[in-house]
């Protein structure tokens, strides 16, 4: 996955999660953490926020694009 960086680190992390989930049919927390290069604690906070805002949906132990 190509890593693109902007002047907004939080947006960069969100886009890394989106890019990874576009490549697969759902992913676990561990898969997202390992493939995005985002720290574990940041991944947890980010995924929770993205689910709360409807950007992702969580079913059992997997996350899917919510848009």
N, C-alpha and C. Protein backbone atom coordinates (compact mmCIF):
# COMPACT_ATOMS: atom_id res chain seq x y z
N UNK A 1 0.84 -1.16 0.00
CA UNK A 1 0.00 0.00 0.00
C UNK A 1 0.89 1.23 0.00
N UNK A 2 0.65 2.15 -0.91
CA UNK A 2 1.42 3.38 -1.01
C UNK A 2 1.06 4.30 0.15
N UNK A 3 2.08 4.80 0.83
CA UNK A 3 1.85 5.67 1.98
C UNK A 3 1.92 7.12 1.53
N UNK A 4 0.80 7.82 1.62
CA UNK A 4 0.72 9.22 1.25
C UNK A 4 0.62 10.03 2.54
N UNK A 5 1.40 11.10 2.62
CA UNK A 5 1.33 11.94 3.80
C UNK A 5 0.95 13.36 3.43
N UNK A 6 0.15 13.95 4.30
CA UNK A 6 -0.26 15.34 4.14
C UNK A 6 0.12 16.09 5.41
N UNK A 7 -0.32 17.29 5.53
CA UNK A 7 -0.05 18.07 6.74
C UNK A 7 -1.07 17.77 7.85
N UNK A 8 -1.95 16.79 7.60
CA UNK A 8 -2.99 16.43 8.57
C UNK A 8 -2.84 14.94 8.91
N UNK A 9 -2.05 14.61 9.94
CA UNK A 9 -1.77 13.21 10.28
C UNK A 9 -3.02 12.35 10.51
N UNK A 10 -4.04 12.90 11.16
CA UNK A 10 -5.25 12.10 11.41
C UNK A 10 -5.92 11.70 10.10
N UNK A 11 -5.95 12.60 9.14
CA UNK A 11 -6.53 12.29 7.84
C UNK A 11 -5.72 11.22 7.12
N UNK A 12 -4.40 11.30 7.24
CA UNK A 12 -3.53 10.29 6.63
C UNK A 12 -3.86 8.90 7.18
N UNK A 13 -4.08 8.80 8.48
CA UNK A 13 -4.40 7.51 9.10
C UNK A 13 -5.76 7.00 8.62
N UNK A 14 -6.74 7.88 8.55
CA UNK A 14 -8.07 7.48 8.06
C UNK A 14 -7.96 6.95 6.64
N UNK A 15 -7.21 7.64 5.81
CA UNK A 15 -7.06 7.22 4.42
C UNK A 15 -6.32 5.89 4.30
N UNK A 16 -5.37 5.63 5.20
CA UNK A 16 -4.69 4.33 5.18
C UNK A 16 -5.66 3.21 5.51
N UNK A 17 -6.56 3.45 6.47
CA UNK A 17 -7.58 2.45 6.82
C UNK A 17 -8.50 2.22 5.62
N UNK A 18 -8.99 3.31 5.00
CA UNK A 18 -9.85 3.18 3.82
C UNK A 18 -9.14 2.42 2.71
N UNK A 19 -7.90 2.76 2.43
CA UNK A 19 -7.16 2.11 1.34
C UNK A 19 -7.03 0.62 1.60
N UNK A 20 -6.75 0.25 2.84
CA UNK A 20 -6.61 -1.18 3.15
C UNK A 20 -7.96 -1.90 3.02
N UNK A 21 -9.03 -1.31 3.53
CA UNK A 21 -10.34 -1.96 3.48
C UNK A 21 -10.89 -2.04 2.06
N UNK A 22 -10.46 -1.15 1.19
CA UNK A 22 -10.86 -1.24 -0.22
C UNK A 22 -10.26 -2.47 -0.90
N UNK A 23 -9.14 -2.95 -0.37
CA UNK A 23 -8.44 -4.10 -0.95
C UNK A 23 -8.98 -5.44 -0.47
N UNK A 24 -9.76 -5.44 0.59
CA UNK A 24 -10.22 -6.72 1.15
C UNK A 24 -11.69 -6.64 1.53
N UNK A 25 -12.27 -7.79 1.80
CA UNK A 25 -13.67 -7.86 2.18
C UNK A 25 -13.77 -7.92 3.70
N UNK A 26 -13.53 -6.78 4.33
CA UNK A 26 -13.54 -6.73 5.78
C UNK A 26 -12.20 -7.14 6.36
N UNK A 27 -11.91 -6.64 7.54
CA UNK A 27 -10.63 -6.95 8.18
C UNK A 27 -10.79 -6.83 9.69
N UNK A 28 -10.00 -7.62 10.39
CA UNK A 28 -10.00 -7.56 11.85
C UNK A 28 -9.15 -6.38 12.31
N UNK A 29 -9.27 -6.06 13.59
CA UNK A 29 -8.45 -5.00 14.18
C UNK A 29 -6.98 -5.27 13.93
N UNK A 30 -6.55 -6.49 14.19
CA UNK A 30 -5.13 -6.85 14.04
C UNK A 30 -4.68 -6.69 12.60
N UNK A 31 -5.48 -7.12 11.66
CA UNK A 31 -5.12 -6.98 10.24
C UNK A 31 -4.98 -5.50 9.87
N UNK A 32 -5.92 -4.69 10.32
CA UNK A 32 -5.86 -3.25 10.01
C UNK A 32 -4.63 -2.64 10.65
N UNK A 33 -4.40 -2.95 11.91
CA UNK A 33 -3.24 -2.41 12.63
C UNK A 33 -1.93 -2.80 11.93
N UNK A 34 -1.78 -4.06 11.60
CA UNK A 34 -0.54 -4.54 10.99
C UNK A 34 -0.33 -4.00 9.59
N UNK A 35 -1.37 -3.86 8.81
CA UNK A 35 -1.23 -3.44 7.42
C UNK A 35 -1.25 -1.92 7.22
N UNK A 36 -1.72 -1.18 8.20
CA UNK A 36 -1.77 0.27 8.05
C UNK A 36 -0.54 0.96 8.61
N UNK A 37 0.18 0.27 9.50
CA UNK A 37 1.35 0.88 10.11
C UNK A 37 1.00 1.89 11.19
N UNK A 38 -0.25 1.88 11.65
CA UNK A 38 -0.69 2.80 12.70
C UNK A 38 -0.50 2.11 14.05
N UNK A 39 -0.05 2.87 15.05
CA UNK A 39 0.14 2.32 16.39
C UNK A 39 -1.15 1.68 16.90
N UNK A 40 -0.99 0.64 17.72
CA UNK A 40 -2.14 -0.12 18.21
C UNK A 40 -3.18 0.76 18.92
N UNK A 41 -2.73 1.62 19.83
CA UNK A 41 -3.67 2.47 20.58
C UNK A 41 -4.36 3.47 19.65
N UNK A 42 -3.63 4.00 18.69
CA UNK A 42 -4.22 4.93 17.72
C UNK A 42 -5.21 4.21 16.82
N UNK A 43 -4.90 2.97 16.44
CA UNK A 43 -5.80 2.19 15.59
C UNK A 43 -7.13 1.98 16.30
N UNK A 44 -7.07 1.64 17.57
CA UNK A 44 -8.29 1.41 18.34
C UNK A 44 -9.16 2.66 18.40
N UNK A 45 -8.57 3.78 18.75
CA UNK A 45 -9.31 5.05 18.84
C UNK A 45 -9.87 5.45 17.48
N UNK A 46 -9.05 5.31 16.46
CA UNK A 46 -9.45 5.69 15.11
C UNK A 46 -10.62 4.85 14.62
N UNK A 47 -10.54 3.53 14.78
CA UNK A 47 -11.61 2.64 14.33
C UNK A 47 -12.91 2.93 15.08
N UNK A 48 -12.81 3.14 16.39
CA UNK A 48 -14.02 3.45 17.18
C UNK A 48 -14.67 4.73 16.68
N UNK A 49 -13.87 5.76 16.44
CA UNK A 49 -14.41 7.02 15.94
C UNK A 49 -15.01 6.89 14.56
N UNK A 50 -14.37 6.12 13.70
CA UNK A 50 -14.88 5.93 12.34
C UNK A 50 -16.20 5.17 12.36
N UNK A 51 -16.34 4.21 13.27
CA UNK A 51 -17.61 3.48 13.41
C UNK A 51 -18.69 4.42 13.93
N UNK A 52 -18.37 5.23 14.94
CA UNK A 52 -19.34 6.17 15.51
C UNK A 52 -19.86 7.16 14.46
N UNK A 53 -19.01 7.53 13.51
CA UNK A 53 -19.40 8.49 12.48
C UNK A 53 -19.95 7.83 11.22
N UNK A 54 -20.08 6.51 11.24
CA UNK A 54 -20.66 5.80 10.11
C UNK A 54 -19.72 5.58 8.93
N UNK A 55 -18.44 5.90 9.12
CA UNK A 55 -17.47 5.68 8.04
C UNK A 55 -17.15 4.20 7.89
N UNK A 56 -17.23 3.48 9.00
CA UNK A 56 -17.02 2.03 9.01
C UNK A 56 -18.19 1.40 9.74
N UNK A 57 -18.38 0.12 9.51
CA UNK A 57 -19.32 -0.65 10.32
C UNK A 57 -18.57 -1.86 10.86
N UNK A 58 -18.96 -2.29 12.04
CA UNK A 58 -18.31 -3.44 12.67
C UNK A 58 -19.31 -4.55 12.82
N UNK A 59 -18.94 -5.73 12.34
CA UNK A 59 -19.75 -6.93 12.48
C UNK A 59 -18.87 -8.00 13.09
N UNK A 60 -19.23 -8.43 14.28
CA UNK A 60 -18.43 -9.39 15.04
C UNK A 60 -17.03 -8.83 15.20
N UNK A 61 -16.03 -9.51 14.68
CA UNK A 61 -14.65 -9.04 14.87
C UNK A 61 -14.06 -8.38 13.63
N UNK A 62 -14.91 -8.05 12.65
CA UNK A 62 -14.41 -7.44 11.42
C UNK A 62 -14.99 -6.05 11.20
N UNK A 63 -14.19 -5.23 10.52
CA UNK A 63 -14.61 -3.89 10.12
C UNK A 63 -14.80 -3.85 8.62
N UNK A 64 -15.82 -3.10 8.18
CA UNK A 64 -16.14 -2.96 6.77
C UNK A 64 -16.36 -1.48 6.47
N UNK A 65 -16.19 -1.09 5.22
CA UNK A 65 -16.50 0.28 4.83
C UNK A 65 -17.97 0.54 5.09
N UNK A 66 -18.29 1.70 5.63
CA UNK A 66 -19.66 2.00 5.99
C UNK A 66 -20.36 2.95 5.05
N UNK A 67 -19.65 3.49 4.10
CA UNK A 67 -20.24 4.46 3.18
C UNK A 67 -20.86 3.79 1.99
